[in-house]
Amino acid sequence: MGQLEVIIVEGRNLKQKDTFSENDAYVKVYL
């Protein structure tokens, strides 16, 4: 079986979820 490589380059307009720290960025990818 082959492999699929996905590279996330940039995130924009991330909502602030934590009060005292930076955003904990994550991404959802649907195929």
PDB file of N, CA and C in Angstrom:
ATOM      1  N   MET A   1       0.842  -1.167   0.000  1.00  0.00           N
ATOM      2  CA  MET A   1       0.000   0.000   0.000  1.00  0.00           C
ATOM      3  C   MET A   1       0.892   1.237   0.000  1.00  0.00           C
ATOM      4  N   GLY A   2       0.523   2.266  -0.741  1.00  0.00           N
ATOM      5  CA  GLY A   2       1.309   3.494  -0.840  1.00  0.00           C
ATOM      6  C   GLY A   2       1.154   4.392   0.379  1.00  0.00           C
ATOM      7  N   GLN A   3       1.895   5.459   0.365  1.00  0.00           N
ATOM      8  CA  GLN A   3       1.854   6.435   1.450  1.00  0.00           C
ATOM      9  C   GLN A   3       1.394   7.779   0.915  1.00  0.00           C
ATOM     10  N   LEU A   4       0.764   8.541   1.771  1.00  0.00           N
ATOM     11  CA  LEU A   4       0.349   9.899   1.453  1.00  0.00           C
ATOM     12  C   LEU A   4       1.027  10.829   2.444  1.00  0.00           C
ATOM     13  N   GLU A   5       1.753  11.807   1.945  1.00  0.00           N
ATOM     14  CA  GLU A   5       2.409  12.789   2.811  1.00  0.00           C
ATOM     15  C   GLU A   5       1.654  14.107   2.700  1.00  0.00           C
ATOM     16  N   VAL A   6       1.220  14.626   3.843  1.00  0.00           N
ATOM     17  CA  VAL A   6       0.490  15.892   3.894  1.00  0.00           C
ATOM     18  C   VAL A   6       1.314  16.868   4.710  1.00  0.00           C
ATOM     19  N   ILE A   7       1.585  18.037   4.144  1.00  0.00           N
ATOM     20  CA  ILE A   7       2.360  19.063   4.836  1.00  0.00           C
ATOM     21  C   ILE A   7       1.468  20.287   5.012  1.00  0.00           C
ATOM     22  N   ILE A   8       1.248  20.674   6.256  1.00  0.00           N
ATOM     23  CA  ILE A   8       0.465  21.870   6.557  1.00  0.00           C
ATOM     24  C   ILE A   8       1.447  23.034   6.638  1.00  0.00           C
ATOM     25  N   VAL A   9       1.258  24.025   5.796  1.00  0.00           N
ATOM     26  CA  VAL A   9       2.226  25.104   5.658  1.00  0.00           C
ATOM     27  C   VAL A   9       1.901  26.286   6.562  1.00  0.00           C
ATOM     28  N   GLU A  10       0.631  26.624   6.716  1.00  0.00           N
ATOM     29  CA  GLU A  10       0.304  27.854   7.414  1.00  0.00           C
ATOM     30  C   GLU A  10      -1.092  27.759   8.008  1.00  0.00           C
ATOM     31  N   GLY A  11      -1.283  28.421   9.141  1.00  0.00           N
ATOM     32  CA  GLY A  11      -2.607  28.560   9.737  1.00  0.00           C
ATOM     33  C   GLY A  11      -2.921  30.033   9.916  1.00  0.00           C
ATOM     34  N   ARG A  12      -4.163  30.402   9.680  1.00  0.00           N
ATOM     35  CA  ARG A  12      -4.569  31.805   9.791  1.00  0.00           C
ATOM     36  C   ARG A  12      -5.835  31.923  10.622  1.00  0.00           C
ATOM     37  N   ASN A  13      -5.985  33.074  11.265  1.00  0.00           N
ATOM     38  CA  ASN A  13      -7.200  33.403  12.020  1.00  0.00           C
ATOM     39  C   ASN A  13      -7.533  32.352  13.074  1.00  0.00           C
ATOM     40  N   LEU A  14      -6.499  31.901  13.801  1.00  0.00           N
ATOM     41  CA  LEU A  14      -6.721  30.925  14.856  1.00  0.00           C
ATOM     42  C   LEU A  14      -7.378  31.611  16.049  1.00  0.00           C
ATOM     43  N   LYS A  15      -8.408  30.999  16.592  1.00  0.00           N
ATOM     44  CA  LYS A  15      -9.112  31.578  17.729  1.00  0.00           C
ATOM     45  C   LYS A  15      -8.318  31.342  19.007  1.00  0.00           C
ATOM     46  N   GLN A  16      -8.301  32.327  19.891  1.00  0.00           N
ATOM     47  CA  GLN A  16      -7.611  32.218  21.174  1.00  0.00           C
ATOM     48  C   GLN A  16      -8.432  31.320  22.090  1.00  0.00           C
ATOM     49  N   LYS A  17      -7.870  30.207  22.519  1.00  0.00           N
ATOM     50  CA  LYS A  17      -8.572  29.269  23.394  1.00  0.00           C
ATOM     51  C   LYS A  17      -8.024  29.292  24.813  1.00  0.00           C
ATOM     52  N   ASP A  18      -6.749  29.625  24.971  1.00  0.00           N
ATOM     53  CA  ASP A  18      -6.132  29.666  26.293  1.00  0.00           C
ATOM     54  C   ASP A  18      -5.982  31.109  26.731  1.00  0.00           C
ATOM     55  N   THR A  19      -6.210  31.355  28.001  1.00  0.00           N
ATOM     56  CA  THR A  19      -6.149  32.719  28.519  1.00  0.00           C
ATOM     57  C   THR A  19      -4.711  33.201  28.681  1.00  0.00           C
ATOM     58  N   PHE A  20      -3.831  32.349  29.187  1.00  0.00           N
ATOM     59  CA  PHE A  20      -2.493  32.797  29.569  1.00  0.00           C
ATOM     60  C   PHE A  20      -1.374  32.236  28.704  1.00  0.00           C
ATOM     61  N   SER A  21      -1.686  31.578  27.621  1.00  0.00           N
ATOM     62  CA  SER A  21      -0.617  31.009  26.792  1.00  0.00           C
ATOM     63  C   SER A  21      -0.955  31.196  25.317  1.00  0.00           C
ATOM     64  N   GLU A  22      -0.023  30.784  24.485  1.00  0.00           N
ATOM     65  CA  GLU A  22      -0.225  30.890  23.043  1.00  0.00           C
ATOM     66  C   GLU A  22      -1.233  29.844  22.577  1.00  0.00           C
ATOM     67  N   ASN A  23      -1.689  29.995  21.347  1.00  0.00           N
ATOM     68  CA  ASN A  23      -2.630  29.029  20.779  1.00  0.00           C
ATOM     69  C   ASN A  23      -1.983  27.657  20.663  1.00  0.00           C
ATOM     70  N   ASP A  24      -2.741  26.629  20.989  1.00  0.00           N
ATOM     71  CA  ASP A  24      -2.321  25.251  20.761  1.00  0.00           C
ATOM     72  C   ASP A  24      -2.901  24.835  19.420  1.00  0.00           C
ATOM     73  N   ALA A  25      -2.168  25.139  18.388  1.00  0.00           N
ATOM     74  CA  ALA A  25      -2.687  24.919  17.029  1.00  0.00           C
ATOM     75  C   ALA A  25      -2.819  23.431  16.730  1.00  0.00           C
ATOM     76  N   TYR A  26      -3.877  23.099  16.016  1.00  0.00           N
ATOM     77  CA  TYR A  26      -4.075  21.745  15.529  1.00  0.00           C
ATOM     78  C   TYR A  26      -4.771  21.836  14.182  1.00  0.00           C
ATOM     79  N   VAL A  27      -4.827  20.736  13.490  1.00  0.00           N
ATOM     80  CA  VAL A  27      -5.451  20.738  12.173  1.00  0.00           C
ATOM     81  C   VAL A  27      -6.252  19.450  12.013  1.00  0.00           C
ATOM     82  N   LYS A  28      -7.376  19.559  11.339  1.00  0.00           N
ATOM     83  CA  LYS A  28      -8.159  18.387  10.961  1.00  0.00           C
ATOM     84  C   LYS A  28      -8.057  18.255   9.449  1.00  0.00           C
ATOM     85  N   VAL A  29      -7.742  17.056   8.992  1.00  0.00           N
ATOM     86  CA  VAL A  29      -7.632  16.793   7.560  1.00  0.00           C
ATOM     87  C   VAL A  29      -8.613  15.676   7.224  1.00  0.00           C
ATOM     88  N   TYR A  30      -9.486  15.947   6.269  1.00  0.00           N
ATOM     89  CA  TYR A  30     -10.459  14.950   5.820  1.00  0.00           C
ATOM     90  C   TYR A  30     -10.113  14.525   4.400  1.00  0.00           C
ATOM     91  N   LEU A  31     -10.090  13.240   4.174  1.00  0.00           N
ATOM     92  CA  LEU A  31      -9.825  12.704   2.833  1.00  0.00           C
ATOM     93  C   LEU A  31     -11.060  11.997   2.319  1.00  0.00           C
TER      94      LEU A  31
END
